[in-house]
Amino acid sequence: MELNEKQIQILEVAEKLFAENGFDGTSVRQISKEADVNVAMISYYFGSKEKMLEALLGYRMADFKIQLKSILSKEISYPEKIDEIVAFVVMRIHKNRRTHKIVNFEYSKDDSQSINFEKYLQQKDENYRVIEAFVKNGQKEGFFSKKVNIPLIVPTIMGTYFHFYYNKRFYTSLHNLTDEISLDEFVHTTLTKHIQQTIKALLTYAD
């Protein structure tokens, strides 16, 4: 689905409100008021609030696989590729953390059937297969351990990030981070480097 500027504006407003109030706690009328558009326009573009969330997921996940493949096609070493992959993934989840918060909550609900996560899950599977192929190739060439649990690589990256972010009040105090700018810088430098070291250690660990 090709989105125009107005659709993107509406989705970004919806993302903000969904993250703040929850999906169920946000009405189309609230979104229309915040985005300064009428309800009819939202209905015309997306049809329903559920379809709007599905469009938001597609928008946020667009081009992820393309950029991932671009990193892996570079003529650089395996460790350098790992560093670039981790930096890229951390950058994306930090930028799109609101969407991740919404998805994690809505997908875990018992009555999530009203939202179609099929395309989202398909995209996640395609992204995983790219990383899986990269690791398996590294294993064949003797760079990576054959005992590594490939499906847990991305959860390790994301889990570390989200534990830090959802406990940021504690960690900002611990690391003397004074504002959002210093927090962003910490995520893209210190936290990213820590995750890079962790993933490289996991991939090369020999038991």
C-alpha atoms as a PDB file:
ATOM      1  CA  MET A   1       0.000   0.000   0.000  1.00  0.00           C
ATOM      2  CA  GLU A   2       1.539   3.274  -1.174  1.00  0.00           C
ATOM      3  CA  LEU A   3       0.850   5.991   1.384  1.00  0.00           C
ATOM      4  CA  ASN A   4       0.536   9.702   0.703  1.00  0.00           C
ATOM      5  CA  GLU A   5       1.659  12.453   3.086  1.00  0.00           C
ATOM      6  CA  LYS A   6      -1.779  12.897   4.642  1.00  0.00           C
ATOM      7  CA  GLN A   7      -2.121   9.154   5.335  1.00  0.00           C
ATOM      8  CA  ILE A   8       1.329   9.097   6.942  1.00  0.00           C
ATOM      9  CA  GLN A   9       0.404  12.108   9.091  1.00  0.00           C
ATOM     10  CA  ILE A  10      -2.761  10.333  10.280  1.00  0.00           C
ATOM     11  CA  LEU A  11      -0.859   7.113  11.029  1.00  0.00           C
ATOM     12  CA  GLU A  12       1.782   8.960  13.051  1.00  0.00           C
ATOM     13  CA  VAL A  13      -0.910  10.678  15.121  1.00  0.00           C
ATOM     14  CA  ALA A  14      -2.677   7.337  15.613  1.00  0.00           C
ATOM     15  CA  GLU A  15       0.605   5.731  16.663  1.00  0.00           C
ATOM     16  CA  LYS A  16       1.139   8.410  19.316  1.00  0.00           C
ATOM     17  CA  LEU A  17      -2.392   8.072  20.703  1.00  0.00           C
ATOM     18  CA  PHE A  18      -2.400   4.254  20.602  1.00  0.00           C
ATOM     19  CA  ALA A  19       0.858   4.232  22.581  1.00  0.00           C
ATOM     20  CA  GLU A  20      -0.429   6.754  25.132  1.00  0.00           C
ATOM     21  CA  ASN A  21      -4.027   5.578  25.573  1.00  0.00           C
ATOM     22  CA  GLY A  22      -3.987   2.016  24.273  1.00  0.00           C
ATOM     23  CA  PHE A  23      -5.677   0.827  21.092  1.00  0.00           C
ATOM     24  CA  ASP A  24      -9.061   0.304  22.757  1.00  0.00           C
ATOM     25  CA  GLY A  25      -8.757   3.602  24.628  1.00  0.00           C
ATOM     26  CA  THR A  26      -8.295   5.626  21.439  1.00  0.00           C
ATOM     27  CA  SER A  27     -11.232   6.557  19.225  1.00  0.00           C
ATOM     28  CA  VAL A  28     -11.226   7.482  15.544  1.00  0.00           C
ATOM     29  CA  ARG A  29     -12.721  10.821  16.591  1.00  0.00           C
ATOM     30  CA  GLN A  30      -9.709  11.511  18.841  1.00  0.00           C
ATOM     31  CA  ILE A  31      -7.353  10.675  15.990  1.00  0.00           C
ATOM     32  CA  SER A  32      -9.257  12.925  13.581  1.00  0.00           C
ATOM     33  CA  LYS A  33      -9.161  15.823  16.048  1.00  0.00           C
ATOM     34  CA  GLU A  34      -5.437  15.434  16.781  1.00  0.00           C
ATOM     35  CA  ALA A  35      -4.587  15.028  13.085  1.00  0.00           C
ATOM     36  CA  ASP A  36      -6.898  17.931  12.148  1.00  0.00           C
ATOM     37  CA  VAL A  37      -8.833  15.869   9.603  1.00  0.00           C
ATOM     38  CA  ASN A  38     -12.458  14.762   9.547  1.00  0.00           C
ATOM     39  CA  VAL A  39     -13.634  11.268  10.455  1.00  0.00           C
ATOM     40  CA  ALA A  40     -14.849  10.680   6.898  1.00  0.00           C
ATOM     41  CA  MET A  41     -11.310  11.111   5.561  1.00  0.00           C
ATOM     42  CA  ILE A  42      -9.966   8.506   7.992  1.00  0.00           C
ATOM     43  CA  SER A  43     -12.767   6.146   7.012  1.00  0.00           C
ATOM     44  CA  TYR A  44     -12.020   6.725   3.317  1.00  0.00           C
ATOM     45  CA  TYR A  45      -8.289   6.075   3.715  1.00  0.00           C
ATOM     46  CA  PHE A  46      -8.354   3.162   6.155  1.00  0.00           C
ATOM     47  CA  GLY A  47     -11.925   1.913   6.617  1.00  0.00           C
ATOM     48  CA  SER A  48     -11.607   1.177  10.338  1.00  0.00           C
ATOM     49  CA  LYS A  49      -9.367   1.636  13.352  1.00  0.00           C
ATOM     50  CA  GLU A  50      -8.201  -1.977  13.017  1.00  0.00           C
ATOM     51  CA  LYS A  51      -7.218  -1.433   9.378  1.00  0.00           C
ATOM     52  CA  MET A  52      -5.408   1.731  10.436  1.00  0.00           C
ATOM     53  CA  LEU A  53      -3.265  -0.259  12.873  1.00  0.00           C
ATOM     54  CA  GLU A  54      -2.533  -2.838  10.175  1.00  0.00           C
ATOM     55  CA  ALA A  55      -1.466  -0.018   7.831  1.00  0.00           C
ATOM     56  CA  LEU A  56       0.734   1.423  10.590  1.00  0.00           C
ATOM     57  CA  LEU A  57       2.519  -1.913  11.025  1.00  0.00           C
ATOM     58  CA  GLY A  58       3.104  -2.185   7.286  1.00  0.00           C
ATOM     59  CA  TYR A  59       4.406   1.386   7.151  1.00  0.00           C
ATOM     60  CA  ARG A  60       6.840   0.879  10.026  1.00  0.00           C
ATOM     61  CA  MET A  61       8.134  -2.458   8.705  1.00  0.00           C
ATOM     62  CA  ALA A  62       8.501  -1.303   5.104  1.00  0.00           C
ATOM     63  CA  ASP A  63      12.020  -1.534   3.647  1.00  0.00           C
ATOM     64  CA  PHE A  64      13.449  -3.341   6.716  1.00  0.00           C
ATOM     65  CA  LYS A  65      14.390  -6.422   4.682  1.00  0.00           C
ATOM     66  CA  ILE A  66      15.824  -4.285   1.865  1.00  0.00           C
ATOM     67  CA  GLN A  67      18.118  -2.408   4.249  1.00  0.00           C
ATOM     68  CA  LEU A  68      19.098  -5.652   5.991  1.00  0.00           C
ATOM     69  CA  LYS A  69      20.084  -7.248   2.684  1.00  0.00           C
ATOM     70  CA  SER A  70      21.991  -4.096   1.762  1.00  0.00           C
ATOM     71  CA  ILE A  71      24.144  -4.494   4.886  1.00  0.00           C
ATOM     72  CA  LEU A  72      24.770  -8.183   4.201  1.00  0.00           C
ATOM     73  CA  SER A  73      25.791  -7.528   0.590  1.00  0.00           C
ATOM     74  CA  LYS A  74      28.681  -5.282   1.657  1.00  0.00           C
ATOM     75  CA  GLU A  75      32.242  -6.486   1.161  1.00  0.00           C
ATOM     76  CA  ILE A  76      33.065  -6.397   4.872  1.00  0.00           C
ATOM     77  CA  SER A  77      33.942  -9.027   7.473  1.00  0.00           C
ATOM     78  CA  TYR A  78      31.421 -11.076   9.453  1.00  0.00           C
ATOM     79  CA  PRO A  79      32.105  -9.161  12.707  1.00  0.00           C
ATOM     80  CA  GLU A  80      31.595  -5.853  10.872  1.00  0.00           C
ATOM     81  CA  LYS A  81      28.315  -7.109   9.426  1.00  0.00           C
ATOM     82  CA  ILE A  82      27.136  -8.122  12.900  1.00  0.00           C
ATOM     83  CA  ASP A  83      27.970  -4.652  14.208  1.00  0.00           C
ATOM     84  CA  GLU A  84      26.039  -3.012  11.371  1.00  0.00           C
ATOM     85  CA  ILE A  85      23.040  -5.332  11.763  1.00  0.00           C
ATOM     86  CA  VAL A  86      22.825  -4.682  15.511  1.00  0.00           C
ATOM     87  CA  ALA A  87      23.206  -0.909  15.065  1.00  0.00           C
ATOM     88  CA  PHE A  88      20.510  -0.962  12.385  1.00  0.00           C
ATOM     89  CA  VAL A  89      18.062  -3.050  14.445  1.00  0.00           C
ATOM     90  CA  VAL A  90      18.573  -0.923  17.584  1.00  0.00           C
ATOM     91  CA  MET A  91      18.125   2.261  15.565  1.00  0.00           C
ATOM     92  CA  ARG A  92      14.882   0.959  14.057  1.00  0.00           C
ATOM     93  CA  ILE A  93      13.311  -0.282  17.286  1.00  0.00           C
ATOM     94  CA  HIS A  94      14.297   2.906  19.133  1.00  0.00           C
ATOM     95  CA  LYS A  95      12.757   5.012  16.381  1.00  0.00           C
ATOM     96  CA  ASN A  96       9.615   2.835  16.200  1.00  0.00           C
ATOM     97  CA  ARG A  97       9.323   1.971  19.906  1.00  0.00           C
ATOM     98  CA  ARG A  98       5.751   3.269  20.090  1.00  0.00           C
ATOM     99  CA  THR A  99       4.646   0.808  17.410  1.00  0.00           C
ATOM    100  CA  HIS A 100       6.405  -2.075  19.171  1.00  0.00           C
ATOM    101  CA  LYS A 101       4.643  -1.156  22.410  1.00  0.00           C
ATOM    102  CA  ILE A 102       1.255  -1.225  20.674  1.00  0.00           C
ATOM    103  CA  VAL A 103       1.930  -4.519  18.883  1.00  0.00           C
ATOM    104  CA  ASN A 104       3.258  -6.280  21.969  1.00  0.00           C
ATOM    105  CA  PHE A 105       0.145  -5.347  23.921  1.00  0.00           C
ATOM    106  CA  GLU A 106      -2.446  -5.986  21.213  1.00  0.00           C
ATOM    107  CA  TYR A 107      -0.940  -9.244  19.931  1.00  0.00           C
ATOM    108  CA  SER A 108      -0.805 -10.727  23.432  1.00  0.00           C
ATOM    109  CA  LYS A 109      -4.517 -10.111  24.052  1.00  0.00           C
ATOM    110  CA  ASP A 110      -6.950 -13.033  23.907  1.00  0.00           C
ATOM    111  CA  ASP A 111      -9.328 -11.083  21.665  1.00  0.00           C
ATOM    112  CA  SER A 112      -6.716  -9.862  19.154  1.00  0.00           C
ATOM    113  CA  GLN A 113      -8.614 -11.609  16.316  1.00  0.00           C
ATOM    114  CA  SER A 114     -10.183  -8.279  15.314  1.00  0.00           C
ATOM    115  CA  ILE A 115      -6.751  -7.155  14.089  1.00  0.00           C
ATOM    116  CA  ASN A 116      -5.143  -9.089  11.242  1.00  0.00           C
ATOM    117  CA  PHE A 117      -1.510  -9.703  12.187  1.00  0.00           C
ATOM    118  CA  GLU A 118      -0.942 -12.148   9.317  1.00  0.00           C
ATOM    119  CA  LYS A 119       0.973  -9.743   7.065  1.00  0.00           C
ATOM    120  CA  TYR A 120       2.979  -8.430  10.020  1.00  0.00           C
ATOM    121  CA  LEU A 121       3.980 -11.971  11.006  1.00  0.00           C
ATOM    122  CA  GLN A 122       4.819 -12.801   7.397  1.00  0.00           C
ATOM    123  CA  GLN A 123       7.152  -9.801   7.233  1.00  0.00           C
ATOM    124  CA  LYS A 124       8.761 -10.821  10.525  1.00  0.00           C
ATOM    125  CA  ASP A 125       9.323 -14.329   9.166  1.00  0.00           C
ATOM    126  CA  GLU A 126      10.890 -12.976   5.969  1.00  0.00           C
ATOM    127  CA  ASN A 127      13.232 -10.746   7.986  1.00  0.00           C
ATOM    128  CA  TYR A 128      14.166 -13.683  10.210  1.00  0.00           C
ATOM    129  CA  ARG A 129      14.997 -15.857   7.186  1.00  0.00           C
ATOM    130  CA  VAL A 130      17.484 -13.236   5.970  1.00  0.00           C
ATOM    131  CA  ILE A 131      19.300 -13.272   9.320  1.00  0.00           C
ATOM    132  CA  GLU A 132      19.100 -17.068   9.526  1.00  0.00           C
ATOM    133  CA  ALA A 133      20.712 -17.439   6.083  1.00  0.00           C
ATOM    134  CA  PHE A 134      23.500 -15.037   7.090  1.00  0.00           C
ATOM    135  CA  VAL A 135      24.288 -16.947  10.284  1.00  0.00           C
ATOM    136  CA  LYS A 136      24.148 -20.353   8.585  1.00  0.00           C
ATOM    137  CA  ASN A 137      26.511 -19.116   5.899  1.00  0.00           C
ATOM    138  CA  GLY A 138      28.883 -17.916   8.628  1.00  0.00           C
ATOM    139  CA  GLN A 139      28.643 -21.331  10.282  1.00  0.00           C
ATOM    140  CA  LYS A 140      29.522 -23.093   7.027  1.00  0.00           C
ATOM    141  CA  GLU A 141      32.559 -20.865   6.616  1.00  0.00           C
ATOM    142  CA  GLY A 142      33.659 -21.533  10.195  1.00  0.00           C
ATOM    143  CA  PHE A 143      33.146 -18.019  11.544  1.00  0.00           C
ATOM    144  CA  PHE A 144      30.171 -18.790  13.803  1.00  0.00           C
ATOM    145  CA  SER A 145      29.504 -21.541  16.313  1.00  0.00           C
ATOM    146  CA  LYS A 146      27.169 -24.276  15.090  1.00  0.00           C
ATOM    147  CA  LYS A 147      25.543 -24.385  18.541  1.00  0.00           C
ATOM    148  CA  VAL A 148      24.095 -20.880  18.468  1.00  0.00           C
ATOM    149  CA  ASN A 149      20.302 -20.651  18.811  1.00  0.00           C
ATOM    150  CA  ILE A 150      19.531 -18.550  15.736  1.00  0.00           C
ATOM    151  CA  PRO A 151      15.854 -17.789  16.564  1.00  0.00           C
ATOM    152  CA  LEU A 152      16.972 -16.148  19.838  1.00  0.00           C
ATOM    153  CA  ILE A 153      19.388 -13.659  18.244  1.00  0.00           C
ATOM    154  CA  VAL A 154      16.820 -10.947  17.483  1.00  0.00           C
ATOM    155  CA  PRO A 155      14.955 -11.452  20.810  1.00  0.00           C
ATOM    156  CA  THR A 156      18.319 -10.961  22.564  1.00  0.00           C
ATOM    157  CA  ILE A 157      18.805  -7.632  20.784  1.00  0.00           C
ATOM    158  CA  MET A 158      15.245  -6.448  21.315  1.00  0.00           C
ATOM    159  CA  GLY A 159      14.939  -7.801  24.849  1.00  0.00           C
ATOM    160  CA  THR A 160      18.057  -5.943  25.965  1.00  0.00           C
ATOM    161  CA  TYR A 161      16.836  -2.726  24.388  1.00  0.00           C
ATOM    162  CA  PHE A 162      13.297  -2.892  25.790  1.00  0.00           C
ATOM    163  CA  HIS A 163      14.425  -3.876  29.289  1.00  0.00           C
ATOM    164  CA  PHE A 164      16.631  -0.790  29.258  1.00  0.00           C
ATOM    165  CA  TYR A 165      13.969   1.487  27.780  1.00  0.00           C
ATOM    166  CA  TYR A 166      11.040   0.361  29.923  1.00  0.00           C
ATOM    167  CA  ASN A 167      13.237   0.839  32.997  1.00  0.00           C
ATOM    168  CA  LYS A 168      14.771   4.059  31.712  1.00  0.00           C
ATOM    169  CA  ARG A 169      13.966   5.986  34.893  1.00  0.00           C
ATOM    170  CA  PHE A 170      16.307   3.635  36.764  1.00  0.00           C
ATOM    171  CA  TYR A 171      18.998   3.490  34.077  1.00  0.00           C
ATOM    172  CA  THR A 172      19.044   7.231  33.364  1.00  0.00           C
ATOM    173  CA  SER A 173      19.838   7.745  37.041  1.00  0.00           C
ATOM    174  CA  LEU A 174      22.410   4.949  37.035  1.00  0.00           C
ATOM    175  CA  HIS A 175      24.205   6.381  33.991  1.00  0.00           C
ATOM    176  CA  ASN A 176      23.636  10.067  34.825  1.00  0.00           C
ATOM    177  CA  LEU A 177      21.591  10.723  31.679  1.00  0.00           C
ATOM    178  CA  THR A 178      19.974  14.114  32.107  1.00  0.00           C
ATOM    179  CA  ASP A 179      17.523  14.368  29.186  1.00  0.00           C
ATOM    180  CA  GLU A 180      16.071  12.627  26.110  1.00  0.00           C
ATOM    181  CA  ILE A 181      19.002  13.762  23.954  1.00  0.00           C
ATOM    182  CA  SER A 182      21.568  12.131  26.236  1.00  0.00           C
ATOM    183  CA  LEU A 183      19.318   9.046  26.436  1.00  0.00           C
ATOM    184  CA  ASP A 184      19.194   8.796  22.634  1.00  0.00           C
ATOM    185  CA  GLU A 185      22.966   9.175  22.432  1.00  0.00           C
ATOM    186  CA  PHE A 186      23.440   6.453  25.060  1.00  0.00           C
ATOM    187  CA  VAL A 187      21.176   4.076  23.114  1.00  0.00           C
ATOM    188  CA  HIS A 188      23.037   4.638  19.850  1.00  0.00           C
ATOM    189  CA  THR A 189      26.511   4.384  21.391  1.00  0.00           C
ATOM    190  CA  THR A 190      26.960   2.607  24.728  1.00  0.00           C
ATOM    191  CA  LEU A 191      23.890   0.349  24.609  1.00  0.00           C
ATOM    192  CA  THR A 192      24.412  -0.524  20.946  1.00  0.00           C
ATOM    193  CA  LYS A 193      28.074  -1.376  21.553  1.00  0.00           C
ATOM    194  CA  HIS A 194      27.114  -3.610  24.492  1.00  0.00           C
ATOM    195  CA  ILE A 195      24.591  -5.504  22.351  1.00  0.00           C
ATOM    196  CA  GLN A 196      27.104  -5.806  19.511  1.00  0.00           C
ATOM    197  CA  GLN A 197      29.624  -7.374  21.884  1.00  0.00           C
ATOM    198  CA  THR A 198      26.955  -9.719  23.273  1.00  0.00           C
ATOM    199  CA  ILE A 199      25.795 -10.962  19.863  1.00  0.00           C
ATOM    200  CA  LYS A 200      29.352 -11.473  18.600  1.00  0.00           C
ATOM    201  CA  ALA A 201      30.178 -13.423  21.762  1.00  0.00           C
ATOM    202  CA  LEU A 202      27.091 -15.629  21.315  1.00  0.00           C
ATOM    203  CA  LEU A 203      27.846 -16.309  17.665  1.00  0.00           C
ATOM    204  CA  THR A 204      31.484 -17.198  18.228  1.00  0.00           C
ATOM    205  CA  TYR A 205      31.185 -18.975  21.589  1.00  0.00           C
ATOM    206  CA  ALA A 206      32.758 -22.424  21.509  1.00  0.00           C
ATOM    207  CA  ASP A 207      31.640 -24.892  24.187  1.00  0.00           C
END
